Amino acid sequence: MDTRILMQALRTVLAAALFAAVPVAAQAQDVVELKIVARDGRFEPAELVAPVGKRLHIEISNDGKAPIEFESKPLKVEKVIAPGTRAFVTVNPLKAGDYVFVDEFNEKNARGRIIVR
């Protein structure tokens, strides 16, 4: 095969790979990581702050001895988490406001909110 053709093909493949990687890097900057721990019938922290218009990746660790059900109707998420484990939920970008979450198995005590501003 002609070296010039091979080099042009290589340049084309490299350019396509670099071009494809740009949106992935841009998307990574649009994700906000939040961490919540369920312990002794409560969430820690019980209040988190997140920016408007960013996708949220929420890690919930259950440090208790019983399962929990992380639920938020405003965020449209629900996840059962076994004791001693952790789970993740992803939430699409939000408008400004307060978004309540609970442990549905212990709603009276295990409550929290994400404040988006």
N, C-alpha and C. Protein backbone atom coordinates (compact mmCIF):
# COMPACT_ATOMS: atom_id res chain seq x y z
N MET A 1 0.85 -1.17 0.00
CA MET A 1 0.00 0.00 0.00
C MET A 1 0.90 1.23 0.00
N ASP A 2 0.45 2.25 -0.68
CA ASP A 2 1.20 3.50 -0.77
C ASP A 2 1.27 4.17 0.60
N THR A 3 2.45 4.64 0.99
CA THR A 3 2.67 5.26 2.30
C THR A 3 1.82 6.51 2.47
N ARG A 4 1.66 7.28 1.39
CA ARG A 4 0.86 8.51 1.48
C ARG A 4 -0.60 8.18 1.80
N ILE A 5 -1.15 7.16 1.19
CA ILE A 5 -2.54 6.77 1.43
C ILE A 5 -2.69 6.28 2.87
N LEU A 6 -1.72 5.49 3.32
CA LEU A 6 -1.75 4.98 4.69
C LEU A 6 -1.69 6.11 5.71
N MET A 7 -0.81 7.09 5.48
CA MET A 7 -0.69 8.23 6.40
C MET A 7 -1.97 9.07 6.41
N GLN A 8 -2.57 9.26 5.23
CA GLN A 8 -3.83 10.03 5.17
C GLN A 8 -4.93 9.29 5.93
N ALA A 9 -5.01 7.99 5.78
CA ALA A 9 -6.01 7.20 6.50
C ALA A 9 -5.79 7.29 8.00
N LEU A 10 -4.53 7.23 8.42
CA LEU A 10 -4.20 7.34 9.84
C LEU A 10 -4.60 8.72 10.40
N ARG A 11 -4.32 9.78 9.64
CA ARG A 11 -4.71 11.13 10.06
C ARG A 11 -6.23 11.25 10.20
N THR A 12 -6.94 10.66 9.25
CA THR A 12 -8.40 10.71 9.28
C THR A 12 -8.95 10.00 10.51
N VAL A 13 -8.41 8.83 10.82
CA VAL A 13 -8.85 8.07 11.99
C VAL A 13 -8.53 8.83 13.27
N LEU A 14 -7.33 9.40 13.37
CA LEU A 14 -6.95 10.17 14.57
C LEU A 14 -7.83 11.40 14.74
N ALA A 15 -8.09 12.10 13.65
CA ALA A 15 -8.94 13.29 13.72
C ALA A 15 -10.35 12.92 14.19
N ALA A 16 -10.89 11.83 13.67
CA ALA A 16 -12.22 11.39 14.07
C ALA A 16 -12.24 11.00 15.55
N ALA A 17 -11.20 10.33 16.02
CA ALA A 17 -11.13 9.94 17.44
C ALA A 17 -11.06 11.16 18.34
N LEU A 18 -10.25 12.14 17.97
CA LEU A 18 -10.14 13.36 18.78
C LEU A 18 -11.45 14.14 18.77
N PHE A 19 -12.07 14.23 17.63
CA PHE A 19 -13.34 14.95 17.51
C PHE A 19 -14.41 14.28 18.35
N ALA A 20 -14.45 12.96 18.36
CA ALA A 20 -15.45 12.22 19.14
C ALA A 20 -15.22 12.37 20.64
N ALA A 21 -13.98 12.57 21.07
CA ALA A 21 -13.66 12.67 22.49
C ALA A 21 -14.06 14.03 23.07
N VAL A 22 -14.17 15.04 22.27
CA VAL A 22 -14.49 16.38 22.77
C VAL A 22 -15.86 16.42 23.46
N PRO A 23 -16.94 15.89 22.88
CA PRO A 23 -18.22 15.94 23.59
C PRO A 23 -18.20 15.18 24.91
N VAL A 24 -17.49 14.07 24.99
CA VAL A 24 -17.40 13.31 26.23
C VAL A 24 -16.76 14.15 27.32
N ALA A 25 -15.67 14.84 27.00
CA ALA A 25 -15.01 15.70 27.98
C ALA A 25 -15.93 16.84 28.40
N ALA A 26 -16.66 17.40 27.46
CA ALA A 26 -17.58 18.49 27.79
C ALA A 26 -18.72 17.99 28.68
N GLN A 27 -19.22 16.78 28.40
CA GLN A 27 -20.30 16.23 29.21
C GLN A 27 -19.83 15.96 30.63
N ALA A 28 -18.60 15.51 30.80
CA ALA A 28 -18.08 15.20 32.13
C ALA A 28 -18.08 16.44 33.02
N GLN A 29 -17.88 17.61 32.43
CA GLN A 29 -17.87 18.85 33.19
C GLN A 29 -19.28 19.26 33.61
N ASP A 30 -20.31 18.72 32.96
CA ASP A 30 -21.69 19.06 33.26
C ASP A 30 -22.32 18.15 34.30
N VAL A 31 -21.51 17.29 34.94
CA VAL A 31 -22.01 16.37 35.95
C VAL A 31 -21.48 16.78 37.32
N VAL A 32 -22.38 16.87 38.28
CA VAL A 32 -22.01 17.20 39.66
C VAL A 32 -22.17 15.96 40.51
N GLU A 33 -21.13 15.62 41.25
CA GLU A 33 -21.13 14.44 42.13
C GLU A 33 -21.61 14.86 43.52
N LEU A 34 -22.60 14.15 44.05
CA LEU A 34 -23.09 14.37 45.40
C LEU A 34 -23.02 13.05 46.16
N LYS A 35 -22.71 13.11 47.46
CA LYS A 35 -22.64 11.91 48.28
C LYS A 35 -23.52 12.06 49.50
N ILE A 36 -24.30 11.01 49.78
CA ILE A 36 -25.20 10.98 50.92
C ILE A 36 -24.96 9.66 51.65
N VAL A 37 -24.96 9.71 52.98
CA VAL A 37 -24.83 8.50 53.79
C VAL A 37 -26.10 8.34 54.62
N ALA A 38 -26.68 7.15 54.56
CA ALA A 38 -27.83 6.82 55.41
C ALA A 38 -27.27 6.08 56.62
N ARG A 39 -27.51 6.66 57.80
CA ARG A 39 -26.96 6.07 59.04
C ARG A 39 -27.90 6.37 60.19
N ASP A 40 -28.23 5.35 60.97
CA ASP A 40 -29.07 5.51 62.17
C ASP A 40 -30.39 6.21 61.87
N GLY A 41 -31.02 5.86 60.76
CA GLY A 41 -32.33 6.42 60.43
C GLY A 41 -32.31 7.86 59.95
N ARG A 42 -31.14 8.34 59.53
CA ARG A 42 -31.01 9.73 59.06
C ARG A 42 -30.09 9.78 57.85
N PHE A 43 -30.19 10.88 57.10
CA PHE A 43 -29.27 11.12 55.99
C PHE A 43 -28.23 12.13 56.42
N GLU A 44 -27.00 11.89 56.03
CA GLU A 44 -25.90 12.82 56.31
C GLU A 44 -25.16 13.12 55.01
N PRO A 45 -25.07 14.34 54.57
CA PRO A 45 -25.79 15.50 55.11
C PRO A 45 -27.26 15.44 54.70
N ALA A 46 -28.07 16.11 55.46
CA ALA A 46 -29.51 16.15 55.17
C ALA A 46 -29.84 17.24 54.15
N GLU A 47 -28.87 18.11 53.90
CA GLU A 47 -29.09 19.19 52.94
C GLU A 47 -27.86 19.32 52.06
N LEU A 48 -28.09 19.29 50.75
CA LEU A 48 -27.01 19.46 49.78
C LEU A 48 -27.37 20.59 48.84
N VAL A 49 -26.35 21.20 48.24
CA VAL A 49 -26.56 22.29 47.29
C VAL A 49 -25.96 21.88 45.95
N ALA A 50 -26.71 22.15 44.88
CA ALA A 50 -26.24 21.82 43.53
C ALA A 50 -26.54 22.99 42.61
N PRO A 51 -25.75 23.14 41.55
CA PRO A 51 -26.00 24.24 40.61
C PRO A 51 -27.12 23.94 39.62
N VAL A 52 -27.76 24.97 39.16
CA VAL A 52 -28.82 24.86 38.15
C VAL A 52 -28.21 24.32 36.86
N GLY A 53 -28.98 23.49 36.17
CA GLY A 53 -28.62 23.06 34.84
C GLY A 53 -27.52 22.02 34.74
N LYS A 54 -27.17 21.38 35.83
CA LYS A 54 -26.12 20.35 35.81
C LYS A 54 -26.75 18.99 36.11
N ARG A 55 -26.29 17.98 35.43
CA ARG A 55 -26.72 16.61 35.72
C ARG A 55 -26.13 16.21 37.07
N LEU A 56 -26.91 15.53 37.90
CA LEU A 56 -26.45 15.12 39.21
C LEU A 56 -26.20 13.61 39.23
N HIS A 57 -25.06 13.23 39.76
CA HIS A 57 -24.73 11.82 39.99
C HIS A 57 -24.65 11.68 41.51
N ILE A 58 -25.66 11.03 42.09
CA ILE A 58 -25.78 10.95 43.54
C ILE A 58 -25.39 9.55 44.01
N GLU A 59 -24.41 9.50 44.91
CA GLU A 59 -23.99 8.24 45.52
C GLU A 59 -24.63 8.17 46.90
N ILE A 60 -25.37 7.09 47.15
CA ILE A 60 -26.01 6.90 48.45
C ILE A 60 -25.39 5.67 49.10
N SER A 61 -24.77 5.85 50.26
CA SER A 61 -24.18 4.75 51.02
C SER A 61 -25.11 4.42 52.18
N ASN A 62 -25.41 3.14 52.34
CA ASN A 62 -26.23 2.71 53.46
C ASN A 62 -25.32 2.10 54.52
N ASP A 63 -24.97 2.90 55.53
CA ASP A 63 -24.11 2.44 56.63
C ASP A 63 -24.92 1.82 57.76
N GLY A 64 -26.22 1.67 57.57
CA GLY A 64 -27.08 1.11 58.61
C GLY A 64 -27.14 -0.41 58.54
N LYS A 65 -28.00 -0.97 59.40
CA LYS A 65 -28.15 -2.43 59.50
C LYS A 65 -29.42 -2.93 58.82
N ALA A 66 -30.19 -2.02 58.24
CA ALA A 66 -31.43 -2.38 57.55
C ALA A 66 -31.43 -1.75 56.16
N PRO A 67 -32.19 -2.31 55.24
CA PRO A 67 -32.27 -1.70 53.91
C PRO A 67 -32.97 -0.34 53.98
N ILE A 68 -32.68 0.50 53.01
CA ILE A 68 -33.37 1.78 52.87
C ILE A 68 -33.93 1.87 51.46
N GLU A 69 -34.90 2.75 51.29
CA GLU A 69 -35.38 3.05 49.94
C GLU A 69 -35.25 4.55 49.73
N PHE A 70 -34.20 4.93 49.03
CA PHE A 70 -33.98 6.33 48.68
C PHE A 70 -35.03 6.68 47.63
N GLU A 71 -35.86 7.68 47.97
CA GLU A 71 -36.92 8.06 47.04
C GLU A 71 -37.09 9.57 47.02
N SER A 72 -37.31 10.08 45.81
CA SER A 72 -37.64 11.49 45.64
C SER A 72 -38.62 11.60 44.48
N LYS A 73 -39.83 11.95 44.80
CA LYS A 73 -40.83 12.14 43.73
C LYS A 73 -40.47 13.33 42.85
N PRO A 74 -40.01 14.46 43.42
CA PRO A 74 -39.64 15.59 42.56
C PRO A 74 -38.46 15.27 41.62
N LEU A 75 -37.53 14.43 42.09
CA LEU A 75 -36.38 14.06 41.25
C LEU A 75 -36.69 12.86 40.37
N LYS A 76 -37.81 12.19 40.64
CA LYS A 76 -38.23 11.01 39.88
C LYS A 76 -37.21 9.88 39.99
N VAL A 77 -36.76 9.61 41.24
CA VAL A 77 -35.83 8.50 41.48
C VAL A 77 -36.31 7.67 42.66
N GLU A 78 -35.97 6.41 42.61
CA GLU A 78 -36.32 5.48 43.68
C GLU A 78 -35.32 4.33 43.61
N LYS A 79 -34.69 4.02 44.75
CA LYS A 79 -33.66 2.98 44.76
C LYS A 79 -33.62 2.32 46.12
N VAL A 80 -33.74 0.98 46.15
CA VAL A 80 -33.59 0.22 47.39
C VAL A 80 -32.11 -0.11 47.53
N ILE A 81 -31.57 0.12 48.74
CA ILE A 81 -30.14 -0.08 48.98
C ILE A 81 -29.98 -0.98 50.20
N ALA A 82 -29.31 -2.09 50.01
CA ALA A 82 -29.08 -3.06 51.08
C ALA A 82 -28.13 -2.48 52.12
N PRO A 83 -28.18 -2.99 53.35
CA PRO A 83 -27.26 -2.50 54.38
C PRO A 83 -25.81 -2.79 54.00
N GLY A 84 -24.94 -1.82 54.31
CA GLY A 84 -23.52 -1.98 54.03
C GLY A 84 -23.13 -1.85 52.58
N THR A 85 -24.03 -1.34 51.75
CA THR A 85 -23.72 -1.18 50.32
C THR A 85 -23.97 0.27 49.91
N ARG A 86 -23.70 0.53 48.65
CA ARG A 86 -23.97 1.87 48.11
C ARG A 86 -24.57 1.72 46.72
N ALA A 87 -25.25 2.76 46.30
CA ALA A 87 -25.88 2.77 44.98
C ALA A 87 -25.77 4.18 44.41
N PHE A 88 -26.04 4.28 43.13
CA PHE A 88 -25.96 5.56 42.44
C PHE A 88 -27.26 5.83 41.72
N VAL A 89 -27.64 7.09 41.69
CA VAL A 89 -28.75 7.54 40.84
C VAL A 89 -28.27 8.75 40.07
N THR A 90 -28.77 8.88 38.86
CA THR A 90 -28.43 10.03 38.03
C THR A 90 -29.69 10.82 37.77
N VAL A 91 -29.58 12.13 37.92
CA VAL A 91 -30.72 13.02 37.75
C VAL A 91 -30.38 14.02 36.65
N ASN A 92 -31.30 14.19 35.73
CA ASN A 92 -31.09 15.15 34.65
C ASN A 92 -31.03 16.58 35.19
N PRO A 93 -30.48 17.52 34.42
CA PRO A 93 -30.35 18.90 34.90
C PRO A 93 -31.67 19.45 35.44
N LEU A 94 -31.55 20.21 36.53
CA LEU A 94 -32.72 20.72 37.25
C LEU A 94 -32.80 22.24 37.20
N LYS A 95 -34.01 22.72 37.39
CA LYS A 95 -34.24 24.15 37.55
C LYS A 95 -34.02 24.50 39.03
N ALA A 96 -33.92 25.78 39.34
CA ALA A 96 -33.75 26.22 40.72
C ALA A 96 -34.93 25.77 41.57
N GLY A 97 -34.64 25.35 42.80
CA GLY A 97 -35.70 24.92 43.71
C GLY A 97 -35.19 23.95 44.75
N ASP A 98 -36.10 23.50 45.60
CA ASP A 98 -35.82 22.50 46.63
C ASP A 98 -36.39 21.16 46.19
N TYR A 99 -35.60 20.13 46.31
CA TYR A 99 -36.00 18.79 45.90
C TYR A 99 -35.84 17.86 47.10
N VAL A 100 -36.95 17.42 47.67
CA VAL A 100 -36.96 16.61 48.88
C VAL A 100 -36.69 15.15 48.52
N PHE A 101 -35.93 14.46 49.41
CA PHE A 101 -35.75 13.02 49.30
C PHE A 101 -35.97 12.40 50.67
N VAL A 102 -36.36 11.12 50.68
CA VAL A 102 -36.66 10.41 51.93
C VAL A 102 -36.16 8.98 51.83
N ASP A 103 -36.08 8.33 52.99
CA ASP A 103 -35.99 6.88 53.05
C ASP A 103 -37.43 6.44 53.23
N GLU A 104 -38.02 5.87 52.21
CA GLU A 104 -39.43 5.53 52.27
C GLU A 104 -39.73 4.53 53.38
N PHE A 105 -38.74 3.75 53.80
CA PHE A 105 -38.94 2.82 54.91
C PHE A 105 -38.93 3.52 56.26
N ASN A 106 -38.46 4.77 56.31
CA ASN A 106 -38.33 5.52 57.56
C ASN A 106 -38.57 7.01 57.28
N GLU A 107 -39.71 7.29 56.64
CA GLU A 107 -39.98 8.66 56.16
C GLU A 107 -40.02 9.71 57.25
N LYS A 108 -40.45 9.33 58.43
CA LYS A 108 -40.60 10.31 59.51
C LYS A 108 -39.26 10.96 59.88
N ASN A 109 -38.20 10.17 59.96
CA ASN A 109 -36.90 10.69 60.40
C ASN A 109 -35.90 10.91 59.27
N ALA A 110 -35.89 10.02 58.31
CA ALA A 110 -34.88 10.08 57.25
C ALA A 110 -35.39 10.92 56.09
N ARG A 111 -35.10 12.21 56.19
CA ARG A 111 -35.52 13.18 55.17
C ARG A 111 -34.34 14.08 54.84
N GLY A 112 -34.34 14.58 53.65
CA GLY A 112 -33.32 15.52 53.25
C GLY A 112 -33.79 16.32 52.04
N ARG A 113 -32.90 17.19 51.58
CA ARG A 113 -33.27 17.97 50.38
C ARG A 113 -32.03 18.40 49.64
N ILE A 114 -32.22 18.58 48.36
CA ILE A 114 -31.17 19.14 47.50
C ILE A 114 -31.68 20.51 47.08
N ILE A 115 -30.88 21.51 47.37
CA ILE A 115 -31.23 22.88 46.99
C ILE A 115 -30.48 23.19 45.70
N VAL A 116 -31.22 23.48 44.67
CA VAL A 116 -30.62 23.80 43.37
C VAL A 116 -30.73 25.29 43.18
N ARG A 117 -29.58 25.93 43.02
CA ARG A 117 -29.56 27.39 42.78
C ARG A 117 -28.48 27.77 41.80
